[in-house]
Amino acid sequence: MMHRPALRAALLVALAATAAWPALAQYKVIGPDGRVTYTDRPPTAAGNRVLSIRQSGAVSATDGAPANLASLPQALRQPVARFPVTLITAADCAPCDSARQMLQRRGVPYSERSVVSDADQQALQQLSGALTVPSVRIGSQVLRGWLESDWLSTLDLAGYPASSALPPSWRWAAASPLAPRGAEPAAPAAAPTPPPPPPAENPGPTPNIRF
């Protein structure tokens, strides 16, 4: 398991690398040498692999980002587009309550996914490598377990304001299952009931048998 200092260093590298995106970047360009650049104009050089920022997953309503970024204050649009936040919780979980309250105090427009069924547990295992709640995904980074300092520092690096910029009327959506319903594994079919054995012939008096 990665120690907290090593985890924080990895987060710094991963988030700082994408924090340098141009404010209006629309395209991610991967050159023949593997070098990645971002631009607001479609590149024309041959040999480049071009991905739309939207197509590459920077904005996804299912990954925490509101479908309409224009509804957010200007200070939140870029961090939400680049690093959408998904909170993963379970019922009767005091640390989950603490994590939720922190995100709301800070004004982070997150989506919440709950772990209820076996399918949810499998999805959490695939996402984070452990069955730990609360967990949070900020962009592509997943933090397991509630450690407020780590969550706050990662939000800082992602560019979220230190205090809420959301309007007073903002309401967070209720939690939804982590795995789509219908994804639960099918129950095994019941084995057929064998027919009763045929009656045995009377062999005569039974010797002394104890039960």
Protein backbone atom coordinates (compact mmCIF):
# COMPACT_ATOMS: atom_id res chain seq x y z
CA MET A 1 0.00 0.00 0.00
CA MET A 2 1.38 3.43 -0.93
CA HIS A 3 2.36 5.59 2.03
CA ARG A 4 0.69 8.98 2.43
CA PRO A 5 3.81 11.09 1.51
CA ALA A 6 4.37 9.01 -1.65
CA LEU A 7 0.68 9.26 -2.55
CA ARG A 8 0.73 13.02 -2.11
CA ALA A 9 3.84 13.31 -4.31
CA ALA A 10 2.16 11.24 -7.04
CA LEU A 11 -0.92 13.45 -6.88
CA LEU A 12 1.22 16.57 -7.14
CA VAL A 13 2.86 15.29 -10.30
CA ALA A 14 -0.36 14.08 -11.92
CA LEU A 15 -2.42 17.16 -11.17
CA ALA A 16 0.34 19.69 -11.82
CA ALA A 17 0.90 18.17 -15.26
CA THR A 18 -2.65 18.86 -16.33
CA ALA A 19 -2.93 22.18 -14.49
CA ALA A 20 -0.87 23.75 -17.27
CA TRP A 21 -3.62 23.28 -19.87
CA PRO A 22 -4.51 26.48 -21.75
CA ALA A 23 -7.69 28.06 -20.42
CA LEU A 24 -9.53 27.57 -23.71
CA ALA A 25 -7.87 24.33 -24.86
CA GLN A 26 -10.15 22.23 -27.04
CA TYR A 27 -7.70 19.64 -28.39
CA LYS A 28 -5.13 17.28 -26.91
CA VAL A 29 -2.35 16.60 -29.42
CA ILE A 30 0.00 13.63 -29.08
CA GLY A 31 3.01 14.00 -31.38
CA PRO A 32 4.95 11.18 -33.06
CA ASP A 33 7.52 11.42 -30.25
CA GLY A 34 4.81 11.05 -27.57
CA ARG A 35 4.90 14.71 -26.54
CA VAL A 36 1.50 16.01 -25.40
CA THR A 37 0.33 19.57 -26.04
CA TYR A 38 -3.03 21.34 -25.74
CA THR A 39 -4.41 23.88 -28.18
CA ASP A 40 -7.60 25.72 -28.99
CA ARG A 41 -7.18 25.20 -32.76
CA PRO A 42 -7.35 21.95 -34.76
CA PRO A 43 -3.71 21.00 -35.56
CA THR A 44 -2.78 20.33 -39.17
CA ALA A 45 0.65 18.66 -38.86
CA ALA A 46 0.81 15.11 -40.17
CA GLY A 47 1.57 12.28 -37.77
CA ASN A 48 -0.16 13.84 -34.77
CA ARG A 49 -2.85 12.03 -32.84
CA VAL A 50 -5.60 14.50 -31.97
CA LEU A 51 -8.22 14.05 -29.24
CA SER A 52 -11.03 16.42 -28.37
CA ILE A 53 -10.84 17.47 -24.72
CA ARG A 54 -14.54 16.58 -24.37
CA GLN A 55 -14.02 13.19 -26.05
CA SER A 56 -11.06 12.39 -23.82
CA GLY A 57 -13.30 12.50 -20.75
CA ALA A 58 -12.56 15.94 -19.32
CA VAL A 59 -16.27 16.71 -19.14
CA SER A 60 -18.64 13.94 -18.17
CA ALA A 61 -21.92 14.31 -16.34
CA THR A 62 -21.59 10.75 -15.02
CA ASP A 63 -18.13 11.46 -13.58
CA GLY A 64 -19.14 14.33 -11.37
CA ALA A 65 -19.24 17.30 -13.73
CA PRO A 66 -22.63 18.97 -14.25
CA ALA A 67 -23.94 18.52 -17.77
CA ASN A 68 -24.14 22.31 -18.21
CA LEU A 69 -20.91 23.95 -17.08
CA ALA A 70 -22.33 27.36 -17.98
CA SER A 71 -24.61 27.07 -14.94
CA LEU A 72 -21.57 27.27 -12.64
CA PRO A 73 -19.73 30.38 -11.46
CA GLN A 74 -16.68 31.20 -13.58
CA ALA A 75 -14.29 30.21 -10.79
CA LEU A 76 -15.58 26.62 -10.88
CA ARG A 77 -15.93 25.92 -14.59
CA GLN A 78 -12.34 24.97 -15.34
CA PRO A 79 -11.68 22.76 -12.29
CA VAL A 80 -15.02 21.00 -12.70
CA ALA A 81 -14.39 20.40 -16.42
CA ARG A 82 -10.86 19.10 -15.89
CA PHE A 83 -11.19 17.38 -12.52
CA PRO A 84 -14.81 16.35 -11.85
CA VAL A 85 -15.38 15.02 -8.34
CA THR A 86 -17.21 11.80 -7.49
CA LEU A 87 -17.79 10.92 -3.83
CA ILE A 88 -18.28 7.23 -3.03
CA THR A 89 -20.12 6.45 0.21
CA ALA A 90 -22.07 3.81 2.08
CA ALA A 91 -24.94 3.90 4.57
CA ASP A 92 -24.26 4.36 8.30
CA CYS A 93 -20.76 5.70 7.61
CA ALA A 94 -19.70 8.58 9.86
CA PRO A 95 -16.50 9.34 7.85
CA CYS A 96 -18.68 9.51 4.72
CA ASP A 97 -20.80 12.17 6.43
CA SER A 98 -17.65 14.14 7.30
CA ALA A 99 -16.37 13.95 3.72
CA ARG A 100 -19.72 15.05 2.30
CA GLN A 101 -19.93 18.00 4.69
CA MET A 102 -16.41 19.14 3.78
CA LEU A 103 -17.17 19.09 0.05
CA GLN A 104 -20.36 21.04 0.60
CA ARG A 105 -18.69 23.62 2.83
CA ARG A 106 -16.03 24.14 0.19
CA GLY A 107 -18.65 24.40 -2.55
CA VAL A 108 -17.47 21.49 -4.70
CA PRO A 109 -20.12 20.39 -7.25
CA TYR A 110 -19.66 16.66 -6.76
CA SER A 111 -21.77 13.65 -7.65
CA GLU A 112 -22.30 10.93 -5.06
CA ARG A 113 -22.32 7.20 -5.67
CA SER A 114 -23.39 4.75 -2.98
CA VAL A 115 -22.19 1.20 -2.36
CA VAL A 116 -25.14 -1.04 -1.54
CA SER A 117 -25.16 -4.17 -3.66
CA ASP A 118 -22.57 -6.79 -4.58
CA ALA A 119 -22.31 -5.13 -7.99
CA ASP A 120 -21.49 -1.80 -6.29
CA GLN A 121 -18.75 -3.51 -4.28
CA GLN A 122 -17.28 -5.01 -7.44
CA ALA A 123 -17.34 -1.60 -9.13
CA LEU A 124 -15.59 0.00 -6.14
CA GLN A 125 -12.93 -2.72 -6.16
CA GLN A 126 -12.28 -2.09 -9.84
CA LEU A 127 -12.20 1.68 -9.39
CA SER A 128 -9.97 1.99 -6.33
CA GLY A 129 -8.45 -1.44 -5.76
CA ALA A 130 -10.06 -1.77 -2.32
CA LEU A 131 -13.43 -1.82 -0.57
CA THR A 132 -12.89 1.44 1.30
CA VAL A 133 -15.43 4.20 1.92
CA PRO A 134 -15.47 7.05 1.71
CA SER A 135 -13.41 7.28 -1.45
CA VAL A 136 -13.24 10.20 -3.83
CA ARG A 137 -12.25 10.48 -7.46
CA ILE A 138 -10.89 13.89 -8.46
CA GLY A 139 -10.24 13.78 -12.18
CA SER A 140 -8.41 10.48 -12.62
CA GLN A 141 -7.02 10.43 -9.06
CA VAL A 142 -8.71 8.18 -6.50
CA LEU A 143 -8.21 8.77 -2.76
CA ARG A 144 -9.22 5.90 -0.50
CA GLY A 145 -10.37 6.56 3.05
CA TRP A 146 -11.14 9.83 4.79
CA LEU A 147 -8.06 11.94 5.45
CA GLU A 148 -9.19 15.54 5.22
CA SER A 149 -5.74 17.01 4.64
CA ASP A 150 -5.16 14.81 1.57
CA TRP A 151 -8.58 15.58 0.14
CA LEU A 152 -8.14 19.33 0.67
CA SER A 153 -4.65 19.43 -0.85
CA THR A 154 -5.82 17.51 -3.91
CA LEU A 155 -8.74 19.90 -4.39
CA ASP A 156 -6.27 22.78 -4.09
CA LEU A 157 -4.08 21.32 -6.82
CA ALA A 158 -7.14 20.76 -9.02
CA GLY A 159 -7.93 24.47 -8.80
CA TYR A 160 -11.10 24.41 -6.70
CA PRO A 161 -11.67 27.65 -4.75
CA ALA A 162 -10.74 27.50 -1.06
CA SER A 163 -14.23 28.68 -0.11
CA SER A 164 -17.61 28.14 -1.72
CA ALA A 165 -18.39 30.09 -4.87
CA LEU A 166 -21.72 28.35 -5.41
CA PRO A 167 -24.96 30.35 -5.25
CA PRO A 168 -27.10 29.84 -2.11
CA SER A 169 -29.73 28.08 -4.22
CA TRP A 170 -27.34 25.29 -5.26
CA ARG A 171 -28.50 21.79 -4.32
CA TRP A 172 -26.49 18.59 -4.59
CA ALA A 173 -28.20 15.62 -6.18
CA ALA A 174 -29.05 12.57 -4.09
CA ALA A 175 -26.69 9.61 -4.20
CA SER A 176 -27.15 7.02 -6.90
CA PRO A 177 -25.79 3.45 -7.06
CA LEU A 178 -22.15 3.11 -8.06
CA ALA A 179 -22.94 0.25 -10.46
CA PRO A 180 -25.82 0.57 -12.94
CA ARG A 181 -28.84 -1.34 -11.76
CA GLY A 182 -29.24 -4.58 -13.64
CA ALA A 183 -25.51 -5.24 -13.28
CA GLU A 184 -25.95 -7.59 -10.34
CA PRO A 185 -24.73 -11.09 -11.08
CA ALA A 186 -27.54 -13.53 -11.81
CA ALA A 187 -28.37 -15.96 -9.04
CA PRO A 188 -27.42 -19.55 -9.85
CA ALA A 189 -30.29 -21.73 -11.01
CA ALA A 190 -31.67 -24.06 -8.38
CA ALA A 191 -30.67 -27.68 -8.85
CA PRO A 192 -33.58 -29.95 -9.88
CA THR A 193 -35.07 -32.01 -7.10
CA PRO A 194 -34.10 -35.67 -7.56
CA PRO A 195 -36.96 -38.15 -7.68
CA PRO A 196 -37.55 -40.19 -4.52
CA PRO A 197 -35.73 -43.54 -4.44
CA PRO A 198 -37.84 -46.63 -5.12
CA PRO A 199 -39.04 -48.51 -2.04
CA ALA A 200 -36.54 -51.13 -0.90
CA GLU A 201 -37.54 -54.77 -0.59
CA ASN A 202 -38.12 -55.93 2.95
CA PRO A 203 -34.90 -57.72 3.92
CA GLY A 204 -36.39 -59.12 7.11
CA PRO A 205 -35.58 -58.17 10.70
CA THR A 206 -33.06 -55.34 11.03
CA PRO A 207 -30.05 -56.04 13.29
CA ASN A 208 -29.27 -53.65 16.17
CA ILE A 209 -28.81 -50.14 14.58
CA ARG A 210 -28.31 -47.03 16.73
CA PHE A 211 -29.19 -43.50 15.60
